């Protein structure tokens, strides 16, 4: 089993990614709105306001999508799909992804009968 973590910088790609992964059979993904740490510190800590010149100016929000995938073929298809939709934009810096092996997973809470 593997964990896919994808940080999507282009919000326009998010719906396409979700629907594409659902078509592949990935239905248990989680999406979290995230912010680059340099953006955050330059906006929230006055002493670091000078860092804004190193960033795009406004507070950039990303979306981080993560899911566990057991089937290797689905994992490969999910990564291929992610890479394809990001490259189709013809723009750089669409995001980043990681794939990590999972040694253990489990469900939490009371077991339903």
C-alpha atoms as a PDB file:
ATOM      1  CA  UNK A   1       0.000   0.000   0.000  1.00  0.00           C
ATOM      2  CA  UNK A   2       1.201   3.519  -0.824  1.00  0.00           C
ATOM      3  CA  UNK A   3       0.316   7.049   0.206  1.00  0.00           C
ATOM      4  CA  UNK A   4       0.015   9.642  -2.556  1.00  0.00           C
ATOM      5  CA  UNK A   5       0.425  13.246  -1.465  1.00  0.00           C
ATOM      6  CA  UNK A   6      -0.153  15.831  -4.199  1.00  0.00           C
ATOM      7  CA  UNK A   7       0.194  19.570  -3.593  1.00  0.00           C
ATOM      8  CA  UNK A   8      -1.719  21.302  -6.383  1.00  0.00           C
ATOM      9  CA  UNK A   9      -0.796  24.954  -6.989  1.00  0.00           C
ATOM     10  CA  UNK A  10      -3.343  25.459  -9.766  1.00  0.00           C
ATOM     11  CA  UNK A  11      -6.831  25.372  -8.260  1.00  0.00           C
ATOM     12  CA  UNK A  12      -8.359  24.966 -11.718  1.00  0.00           C
ATOM     13  CA  UNK A  13      -6.886  21.445 -11.899  1.00  0.00           C
ATOM     14  CA  UNK A  14      -8.401  20.239  -8.629  1.00  0.00           C
ATOM     15  CA  UNK A  15     -11.856  19.214  -9.903  1.00  0.00           C
ATOM     16  CA  UNK A  16     -10.332  17.486 -12.923  1.00  0.00           C
ATOM     17  CA  UNK A  17      -7.936  15.589 -10.673  1.00  0.00           C
ATOM     18  CA  UNK A  18     -10.695  14.484  -8.305  1.00  0.00           C
ATOM     19  CA  UNK A  19     -13.033  13.302 -11.056  1.00  0.00           C
ATOM     20  CA  UNK A  20     -10.191  11.553 -12.888  1.00  0.00           C
ATOM     21  CA  UNK A  21      -9.080   9.708  -9.771  1.00  0.00           C
ATOM     22  CA  UNK A  22     -12.686   8.719  -9.011  1.00  0.00           C
ATOM     23  CA  UNK A  23     -12.876   7.230 -12.523  1.00  0.00           C
ATOM     24  CA  UNK A  24      -9.766   5.196 -11.640  1.00  0.00           C
ATOM     25  CA  UNK A  25     -11.426   3.888  -8.475  1.00  0.00           C
ATOM     26  CA  UNK A  26      -9.868   6.226  -5.914  1.00  0.00           C
ATOM     27  CA  UNK A  27     -12.807   7.357  -3.793  1.00  0.00           C
ATOM     28  CA  UNK A  28     -11.276   7.905  -0.350  1.00  0.00           C
ATOM     29  CA  UNK A  29      -9.004  10.887  -0.998  1.00  0.00           C
ATOM     30  CA  UNK A  30      -8.847  13.898   1.321  1.00  0.00           C
ATOM     31  CA  UNK A  31      -8.371  17.508   0.157  1.00  0.00           C
ATOM     32  CA  UNK A  32      -6.954  20.180   2.464  1.00  0.00           C
ATOM     33  CA  UNK A  33      -6.427  23.851   1.643  1.00  0.00           C
ATOM     34  CA  UNK A  34      -2.791  24.678   2.366  1.00  0.00           C
ATOM     35  CA  UNK A  35      -0.449  27.656   2.175  1.00  0.00           C
ATOM     36  CA  UNK A  36       3.243  27.829   1.329  1.00  0.00           C
ATOM     37  CA  UNK A  37       5.187  28.544   4.530  1.00  0.00           C
ATOM     38  CA  UNK A  38       7.112  31.462   2.997  1.00  0.00           C
ATOM     39  CA  UNK A  39       3.813  33.092   2.006  1.00  0.00           C
ATOM     40  CA  UNK A  40       2.392  32.526   5.473  1.00  0.00           C
ATOM     41  CA  UNK A  41       5.317  33.926   7.406  1.00  0.00           C
ATOM     42  CA  UNK A  42       5.690  36.953   5.110  1.00  0.00           C
ATOM     43  CA  UNK A  43       2.033  37.887   5.710  1.00  0.00           C
ATOM     44  CA  UNK A  44       1.679  37.044   9.393  1.00  0.00           C
ATOM     45  CA  UNK A  45       5.019  37.961  10.982  1.00  0.00           C
ATOM     46  CA  UNK A  46       5.928  41.620  10.370  1.00  0.00           C
ATOM     47  CA  UNK A  47       9.671  41.089  10.685  1.00  0.00           C
ATOM     48  CA  UNK A  48       9.526  38.739   7.681  1.00  0.00           C
ATOM     49  CA  UNK A  49       7.419  41.039   5.465  1.00  0.00           C
ATOM     50  CA  UNK A  50      10.458  41.538   3.216  1.00  0.00           C
ATOM     51  CA  UNK A  51      10.050  37.951   2.042  1.00  0.00           C
ATOM     52  CA  UNK A  52       7.030  39.067   0.019  1.00  0.00           C
ATOM     53  CA  UNK A  53       9.416  40.248  -2.678  1.00  0.00           C
ATOM     54  CA  UNK A  54      10.571  36.619  -3.020  1.00  0.00           C
ATOM     55  CA  UNK A  55       7.022  35.352  -3.448  1.00  0.00           C
ATOM     56  CA  UNK A  56       4.189  36.077  -5.858  1.00  0.00           C
ATOM     57  CA  UNK A  57       2.902  38.859  -3.607  1.00  0.00           C
ATOM     58  CA  UNK A  58      -0.540  37.654  -2.640  1.00  0.00           C
ATOM     59  CA  UNK A  59      -1.245  34.858  -0.205  1.00  0.00           C
ATOM     60  CA  UNK A  60      -1.115  31.754  -2.382  1.00  0.00           C
ATOM     61  CA  UNK A  61      -3.325  28.872  -1.426  1.00  0.00           C
ATOM     62  CA  UNK A  62      -2.648  25.355  -2.571  1.00  0.00           C
ATOM     63  CA  UNK A  63      -4.699  22.243  -2.194  1.00  0.00           C
ATOM     64  CA  UNK A  64      -3.092  19.123  -0.813  1.00  0.00           C
ATOM     65  CA  UNK A  65      -4.710  15.860  -1.821  1.00  0.00           C
ATOM     66  CA  UNK A  66      -3.763  12.628  -0.103  1.00  0.00           C
ATOM     67  CA  UNK A  67      -4.961   9.067  -0.395  1.00  0.00           C
ATOM     68  CA  UNK A  68      -3.839   5.523   0.269  1.00  0.00           C
ATOM     69  CA  UNK A  69      -3.734   3.226  -2.751  1.00  0.00           C
ATOM     70  CA  UNK A  70      -3.306  -0.522  -2.472  1.00  0.00           C
ATOM     71  CA  UNK A  71      -3.295  -1.630  -6.107  1.00  0.00           C
ATOM     72  CA  UNK A  72      -0.009  -0.923  -7.968  1.00  0.00           C
ATOM     73  CA  UNK A  73      -1.794  -0.494 -11.322  1.00  0.00           C
ATOM     74  CA  UNK A  74      -4.156   2.114  -9.846  1.00  0.00           C
ATOM     75  CA  UNK A  75      -1.186   3.864  -8.214  1.00  0.00           C
ATOM     76  CA  UNK A  76       0.636   4.055 -11.553  1.00  0.00           C
ATOM     77  CA  UNK A  77      -2.512   5.231 -13.359  1.00  0.00           C
ATOM     78  CA  UNK A  78      -3.191   7.898 -10.710  1.00  0.00           C
ATOM     79  CA  UNK A  79       0.334   9.316 -10.972  1.00  0.00           C
ATOM     80  CA  UNK A  80       0.230   9.224 -14.767  1.00  0.00           C
ATOM     81  CA  UNK A  81      -3.114  11.043 -14.768  1.00  0.00           C
ATOM     82  CA  UNK A  82      -1.793  13.680 -12.330  1.00  0.00           C
ATOM     83  CA  UNK A  83       1.332  14.274 -14.410  1.00  0.00           C
ATOM     84  CA  UNK A  84      -0.698  14.510 -17.631  1.00  0.00           C
ATOM     85  CA  UNK A  85      -3.238  17.076 -16.429  1.00  0.00           C
ATOM     86  CA  UNK A  86      -0.463  19.242 -14.974  1.00  0.00           C
ATOM     87  CA  UNK A  87       1.629  19.120 -18.154  1.00  0.00           C
ATOM     88  CA  UNK A  88      -1.378  19.927 -20.359  1.00  0.00           C
ATOM     89  CA  UNK A  89      -1.511  23.417 -18.834  1.00  0.00           C
ATOM     90  CA  UNK A  90       1.846  24.246 -20.485  1.00  0.00           C
ATOM     91  CA  UNK A  91       2.701  26.173 -17.313  1.00  0.00           C
ATOM     92  CA  UNK A  92       5.522  25.521 -14.841  1.00  0.00           C
ATOM     93  CA  UNK A  93       5.050  25.072 -11.097  1.00  0.00           C
ATOM     94  CA  UNK A  94       1.676  23.316 -11.098  1.00  0.00           C
ATOM     95  CA  UNK A  95       2.546  21.435  -7.925  1.00  0.00           C
ATOM     96  CA  UNK A  96       4.462  18.492  -6.560  1.00  0.00           C
ATOM     97  CA  UNK A  97       3.665  14.943  -5.506  1.00  0.00           C
ATOM     98  CA  UNK A  98       5.143  12.285  -3.260  1.00  0.00           C
ATOM     99  CA  UNK A  99       4.510   8.559  -3.054  1.00  0.00           C
ATOM    100  CA  UNK A 100       5.360   6.887   0.224  1.00  0.00           C
ATOM    101  CA  UNK A 101       5.107   3.233   1.233  1.00  0.00           C
ATOM    102  CA  UNK A 102       2.667   2.528   4.057  1.00  0.00           C
ATOM    103  CA  UNK A 103       3.571  -0.213   6.482  1.00  0.00           C
ATOM    104  CA  UNK A 104       0.296  -0.181   8.370  1.00  0.00           C
ATOM    105  CA  UNK A 105      -3.243   1.154   8.009  1.00  0.00           C
ATOM    106  CA  UNK A 106      -6.413   0.678   9.996  1.00  0.00           C
ATOM    107  CA  UNK A 107      -9.904   2.000  10.573  1.00  0.00           C
ATOM    108  CA  UNK A 108     -10.714   3.944  13.717  1.00  0.00           C
ATOM    109  CA  UNK A 109     -13.924   4.001  15.708  1.00  0.00           C
ATOM    110  CA  UNK A 110     -16.546   1.533  16.751  1.00  0.00           C
ATOM    111  CA  UNK A 111     -17.043  -1.358  14.391  1.00  0.00           C
ATOM    112  CA  UNK A 112     -20.482  -1.377  12.737  1.00  0.00           C
ATOM    113  CA  UNK A 113     -22.519  -4.570  12.678  1.00  0.00           C
END
